[in-house]
Amino acid sequence: MCSSSPPSEKQRRCSAGLALLMCGLTSGCLFFHGQRYHDFVTRVPLPQEDVLILGFMGGRESWNNANRGVRKLALKLRSMEIPGVHVETVENKKRDLAIQLIRNAFDRDQNGLLEWRERQAIRLILYGQSFGGAAVIKLAGQLDKMSIPVMLTVQIDSVGIGDEVVPSNVRRAANLFQSNGLFVRGESRIRPADPGKTEILGNLEFDYSDKEIDLSSVSWLKRIFRTAHTKMDFDPEVWGKVEELILNELHL
C-alpha cells in the first residue's frame, strides 16, 4: 500500500539530485520556458534591402549560450556593425518564433500580411549546427510553402531526418560535416530539390581523427560520446568558413 505521508528531507534531496543528474546527462536542460519572442533585439519592420540572419542552436542549447559556435558567430557578425545586417539566434525547437520574426521584419507596411511584393524583397540567411542544421532545412521548407525566398542556408554537422534535401526556395546552400563520430555524424551530402533553382556551394568534410580541439568547457559525456561532433562545434576553422560563406553572400 502506498504511504500518504510527505517525503522526508532525505527523499527530497535525492529527488533534487536525480533531477540535476538527468539535466547533466541530457546536456543542458532548459529551466522555465526557454526562448520567447521578446528575447529578439532586432527592431521591426526592417528597412528595404536590409538582411536578417538567423542562427539555429544545436541540441538543447539556449539561444543565448555564448559558448557555442552558432551564438559566437552571431555575436561576431553583430560586432562588425555591417550596415543593414541584423543577426539573431534561435533555439532549434522555436521555429515558430523565427517565422513570427520573419513576418514582422518584412511586413513593411505593417498590415499583418506578407504581400507578394514584400515576399519577393525578403533577404534572409539561415545557418545552424547539429539539430539546428536540421531546423534550418525544416524552416526553409515551411517558408517555401509561404513563397518566402531564402538567400543562403548553411548546415553545420546537421542531424535530422530529411535534412539532405534543400527546398527550392533556397538560392544557395552549403553543408559542413564530419565522419569521425562513433554515434553522431552530420549529413554528408545535401542536394537540391530543384537543381534549376538552388546552387549547392559544397559538401565540405572536416577530419577530426588527429585534430586537437580544446573541449575543456564541455561535459565529459560530450567529450566521450560525441567527440568529433563537439569538436566541430568548437573548431575555429569551421566557423571561419561559415562566416566566409555568409559574408560572400552579403558581397563583403
Protein backbone atom coordinates (compact mmCIF):
# COMPACT_ATOMS: atom_id res chain seq x y z
CA MET A 1 0.00 0.00 0.00
CA CYS A 2 1.29 3.43 -0.88
CA SER A 3 2.03 5.74 2.03
CA SER A 4 0.32 9.13 2.11
CA SER A 5 2.98 10.65 4.36
CA PRO A 6 5.03 13.55 2.91
CA PRO A 7 8.53 12.76 1.59
CA SER A 8 11.39 13.03 4.03
CA GLU A 9 14.16 15.62 3.67
CA LYS A 10 16.47 12.85 2.52
CA GLN A 11 13.99 11.79 -0.17
CA ARG A 12 13.60 15.39 -1.34
CA ARG A 13 17.39 15.78 -1.56
CA CYS A 14 17.65 12.54 -3.53
CA SER A 15 14.92 13.65 -5.93
CA ALA A 16 16.62 17.01 -6.45
CA GLY A 17 19.98 15.33 -7.01
CA LEU A 18 18.44 12.93 -9.54
CA ALA A 19 16.85 15.83 -11.42
CA LEU A 20 20.19 17.64 -11.58
CA LEU A 21 21.91 14.45 -12.72
CA MET A 22 19.39 13.93 -15.51
CA CYS A 23 19.87 17.55 -16.51
CA GLY A 24 23.59 16.96 -16.87
CA LEU A 25 23.10 13.70 -18.74
CA THR A 26 20.84 15.34 -21.28
CA SER A 27 23.40 18.09 -21.75
CA GLY A 28 21.63 21.24 -20.93
CA CYS A 29 18.05 21.05 -19.81
CA LEU A 30 16.21 24.29 -20.06
CA PHE A 31 14.63 25.53 -16.87
CA PHE A 32 11.42 27.54 -17.20
CA HIS A 33 10.15 28.23 -20.70
CA GLY A 34 13.16 28.67 -22.98
CA GLN A 35 13.29 31.40 -25.59
CA ARG A 36 10.47 33.93 -26.02
CA TYR A 37 9.80 36.39 -28.83
CA HIS A 38 10.77 39.36 -26.69
CA ASP A 39 14.31 37.94 -26.45
CA PHE A 40 14.94 39.15 -30.02
CA VAL A 41 16.60 42.55 -30.23
CA THR A 42 16.03 43.32 -33.91
CA ARG A 43 13.75 46.31 -34.41
CA VAL A 44 10.99 45.61 -36.93
CA PRO A 45 9.97 46.16 -39.62
CA LEU A 46 13.33 46.27 -41.36
CA PRO A 47 14.20 48.96 -43.89
CA GLN A 48 14.17 47.99 -47.56
CA GLU A 49 17.25 45.96 -48.63
CA ASP A 50 18.17 45.02 -45.03
CA VAL A 51 19.19 41.41 -44.36
CA LEU A 52 18.06 39.17 -41.50
CA ILE A 53 20.42 36.35 -40.44
CA LEU A 54 19.09 33.61 -38.16
CA GLY A 55 21.40 31.07 -36.49
CA PHE A 56 19.85 27.91 -35.00
CA MET A 57 21.40 26.41 -31.89
CA GLY A 58 22.18 22.70 -31.57
CA GLY A 59 20.82 20.19 -29.05
CA ARG A 60 19.05 21.71 -26.08
CA GLU A 61 21.28 24.75 -26.09
CA SER A 62 19.76 28.05 -25.03
CA TRP A 63 19.51 30.80 -27.66
CA ASN A 64 21.97 32.98 -25.69
CA ASN A 65 24.66 30.40 -24.86
CA ALA A 66 27.73 32.40 -25.90
CA ASN A 67 29.96 29.33 -25.51
CA ARG A 68 28.52 27.65 -28.62
CA GLY A 69 29.61 28.23 -32.21
CA VAL A 70 26.26 29.45 -33.53
CA ARG A 71 25.96 32.17 -30.90
CA LYS A 72 29.66 33.08 -31.07
CA LEU A 73 29.39 33.72 -34.80
CA ALA A 74 26.19 35.73 -34.36
CA LEU A 75 27.87 37.97 -31.78
CA LYS A 76 30.91 38.38 -34.03
CA LEU A 77 28.74 39.37 -37.01
CA ARG A 78 26.92 41.88 -34.82
CA SER A 79 30.22 43.32 -33.62
CA MET A 80 31.18 44.06 -37.24
CA GLU A 81 28.27 46.54 -37.35
CA ILE A 82 27.62 45.81 -41.01
CA PRO A 83 25.06 48.35 -42.25
CA GLY A 84 21.64 46.82 -42.88
CA VAL A 85 22.50 43.40 -41.37
CA HIS A 86 20.60 42.04 -38.37
CA VAL A 87 21.56 38.81 -36.60
CA GLU A 88 19.57 36.66 -34.14
CA THR A 89 19.99 33.18 -32.67
CA VAL A 90 17.10 30.77 -32.19
CA GLU A 91 16.63 27.55 -30.22
CA ASN A 92 16.11 24.76 -32.74
CA LYS A 93 12.63 23.89 -31.45
CA LYS A 94 11.47 27.50 -31.71
CA ARG A 95 10.89 27.74 -35.45
CA ASP A 96 7.53 29.34 -34.70
CA LEU A 97 9.37 32.29 -33.16
CA ALA A 98 11.59 32.53 -36.24
CA ILE A 99 8.54 32.65 -38.53
CA GLN A 100 6.96 35.32 -36.33
CA LEU A 101 10.13 37.40 -36.52
CA ILE A 102 10.39 36.97 -40.30
CA ARG A 103 6.78 38.06 -40.75
CA ASN A 104 7.24 41.13 -38.58
CA ALA A 105 10.63 42.02 -40.08
CA PHE A 106 9.47 42.03 -43.69
CA ASP A 107 5.85 43.18 -43.33
CA ARG A 108 6.98 46.69 -44.11
CA ASP A 109 3.53 48.25 -44.43
CA GLN A 110 2.57 46.55 -41.14
CA ASN A 111 -0.83 45.43 -42.36
CA GLY A 112 -0.38 41.94 -40.89
CA LEU A 113 0.22 40.30 -44.27
CA LEU A 114 3.30 39.43 -46.28
CA GLU A 115 2.16 40.52 -49.71
CA TRP A 116 3.77 39.35 -52.93
CA ARG A 117 6.00 42.42 -53.33
CA GLU A 118 7.14 42.13 -49.70
CA ARG A 119 7.91 38.42 -50.04
CA GLN A 120 9.95 39.00 -53.19
CA ALA A 121 12.06 41.62 -51.40
CA ILE A 122 12.91 39.40 -48.42
CA ARG A 123 16.65 38.99 -47.78
CA LEU A 124 17.15 36.09 -45.37
CA ILE A 125 20.11 33.87 -44.43
CA LEU A 126 19.81 30.75 -42.23
CA TYR A 127 22.56 28.71 -40.58
CA GLY A 128 22.56 26.09 -37.84
CA GLN A 129 24.57 23.38 -36.11
CA SER A 130 23.51 19.78 -35.27
CA PHE A 131 19.72 19.78 -34.66
CA GLY A 132 19.97 23.45 -35.58
CA GLY A 133 21.13 22.42 -39.05
CA ALA A 134 18.05 20.25 -39.42
CA ALA A 135 15.91 23.15 -38.15
CA VAL A 136 17.32 25.32 -40.95
CA ILE A 137 16.02 22.91 -43.59
CA LYS A 138 12.69 22.41 -41.82
CA LEU A 139 12.19 26.16 -41.60
CA ALA A 140 13.20 26.64 -45.23
CA GLY A 141 10.54 24.07 -46.16
CA GLN A 142 7.92 25.96 -44.17
CA LEU A 143 8.95 29.22 -45.82
CA ASP A 144 8.77 27.56 -49.24
CA LYS A 145 5.08 26.85 -48.65
CA MET A 146 4.69 30.56 -47.80
CA SER A 147 6.52 31.60 -51.03
CA ILE A 148 9.30 33.20 -48.97
CA PRO A 149 12.78 33.07 -50.55
CA VAL A 150 16.00 32.29 -48.69
CA MET A 151 19.31 33.67 -49.93
CA LEU A 152 21.56 31.10 -48.25
CA THR A 153 21.40 28.12 -45.91
CA VAL A 154 24.45 26.70 -44.12
CA GLN A 155 24.26 23.39 -42.25
CA ILE A 156 26.99 22.51 -39.76
CA ASP A 157 27.14 18.79 -38.88
CA SER A 158 23.40 18.68 -39.43
CA VAL A 159 21.49 15.93 -37.58
CA GLY A 160 17.91 15.27 -38.61
CA ILE A 161 15.52 13.40 -40.86
CA GLY A 162 15.20 14.71 -44.40
CA ASP A 163 17.83 17.41 -43.91
CA GLU A 164 19.72 16.33 -47.02
CA VAL A 165 17.19 17.88 -49.42
CA VAL A 166 17.33 21.66 -49.75
CA PRO A 167 13.95 23.23 -50.64
CA SER A 168 13.61 25.04 -53.94
CA ASN A 169 13.09 28.48 -52.36
CA VAL A 170 16.76 28.45 -51.24
CA ARG A 171 19.06 30.17 -53.74
CA ARG A 172 22.37 28.82 -52.42
CA ALA A 173 23.24 26.19 -49.81
CA ALA A 174 26.36 24.80 -48.16
CA ASN A 175 26.99 21.82 -45.89
CA LEU A 176 29.87 21.28 -43.44
CA PHE A 177 30.19 17.86 -41.78
CA GLN A 178 32.45 15.29 -40.11
CA SER A 179 32.51 11.48 -40.46
CA ASN A 180 34.67 10.62 -37.43
CA GLY A 181 31.90 10.36 -34.84
CA LEU A 182 31.02 6.93 -33.50
CA PHE A 183 27.47 7.93 -32.54
CA VAL A 184 26.82 11.31 -34.16
CA ARG A 185 27.77 12.17 -37.72
CA GLY A 186 26.49 15.09 -39.72
CA GLU A 187 24.66 14.85 -43.04
CA SER A 188 27.38 14.11 -45.59
CA ARG A 189 25.67 15.23 -48.77
CA ILE A 190 22.95 17.76 -49.36
CA ARG A 191 21.18 18.03 -52.69
CA PRO A 192 18.68 20.48 -54.16
CA ALA A 193 15.01 19.65 -54.52
CA ASP A 194 15.24 21.61 -57.77
CA PRO A 195 18.76 21.92 -59.28
CA GLY A 196 17.49 24.72 -61.51
CA LYS A 197 16.68 26.91 -58.50
CA THR A 198 19.28 26.00 -55.87
CA GLU A 199 23.06 26.06 -56.16
CA ILE A 200 24.95 23.75 -53.79
CA LEU A 201 28.14 25.58 -52.83
CA GLY A 202 29.73 22.45 -51.40
CA ASN A 203 29.64 19.49 -49.05
CA LEU A 204 32.75 20.22 -47.00
CA GLU A 205 34.19 17.47 -44.82
CA PHE A 206 36.31 18.15 -41.72
CA ASP A 207 38.59 15.44 -40.33
CA TYR A 208 38.98 15.10 -36.55
CA SER A 209 40.95 11.86 -36.42
CA ASP A 210 44.07 13.76 -35.32
CA LYS A 211 42.92 17.37 -34.95
CA GLU A 212 43.25 18.78 -31.44
CA ILE A 213 40.38 20.99 -30.28
CA ASP A 214 40.00 22.34 -26.75
CA LEU A 215 36.90 20.73 -25.21
CA SER A 216 37.67 21.60 -21.60
CA SER A 217 34.48 23.65 -21.25
CA VAL A 218 32.06 20.85 -22.20
CA SER A 219 30.69 17.91 -20.22
CA TRP A 220 32.56 14.62 -20.01
CA LEU A 221 29.65 12.89 -21.75
CA LYS A 222 30.10 15.04 -24.84
CA ARG A 223 33.86 14.60 -24.74
CA ILE A 224 33.47 10.81 -24.66
CA PHE A 225 30.36 10.03 -26.70
CA ARG A 226 30.16 12.99 -29.12
CA THR A 227 33.83 13.79 -29.53
CA ALA A 228 34.03 14.65 -33.23
CA HIS A 229 30.59 16.29 -33.28
CA THR A 230 31.56 18.50 -30.34
CA LYS A 231 35.00 19.25 -31.78
CA MET A 232 33.34 20.57 -34.90
CA ASP A 233 31.23 22.96 -32.84
CA PHE A 234 34.38 24.31 -31.17
CA ASP A 235 36.58 24.37 -34.29
CA PRO A 236 37.52 27.95 -35.29
CA GLU A 237 38.20 26.75 -38.84
CA VAL A 238 34.58 25.62 -39.20
CA TRP A 239 33.14 28.91 -38.04
CA GLY A 240 35.62 30.86 -40.11
CA LYS A 241 34.27 29.05 -43.15
CA VAL A 242 30.64 29.70 -42.17
CA GLU A 243 31.49 33.38 -41.68
CA GLU A 244 33.14 33.45 -45.12
CA LEU A 245 30.08 31.92 -46.76
CA ILE A 246 27.77 34.46 -45.14
CA LEU A 247 29.98 37.46 -45.93
CA ASN A 248 30.33 36.28 -49.52
CA GLU A 249 26.54 36.15 -49.78
CA LEU A 250 26.44 39.69 -48.45
CA HIS A 251 29.12 40.61 -51.03
CA LEU A 252 31.52 41.79 -48.33
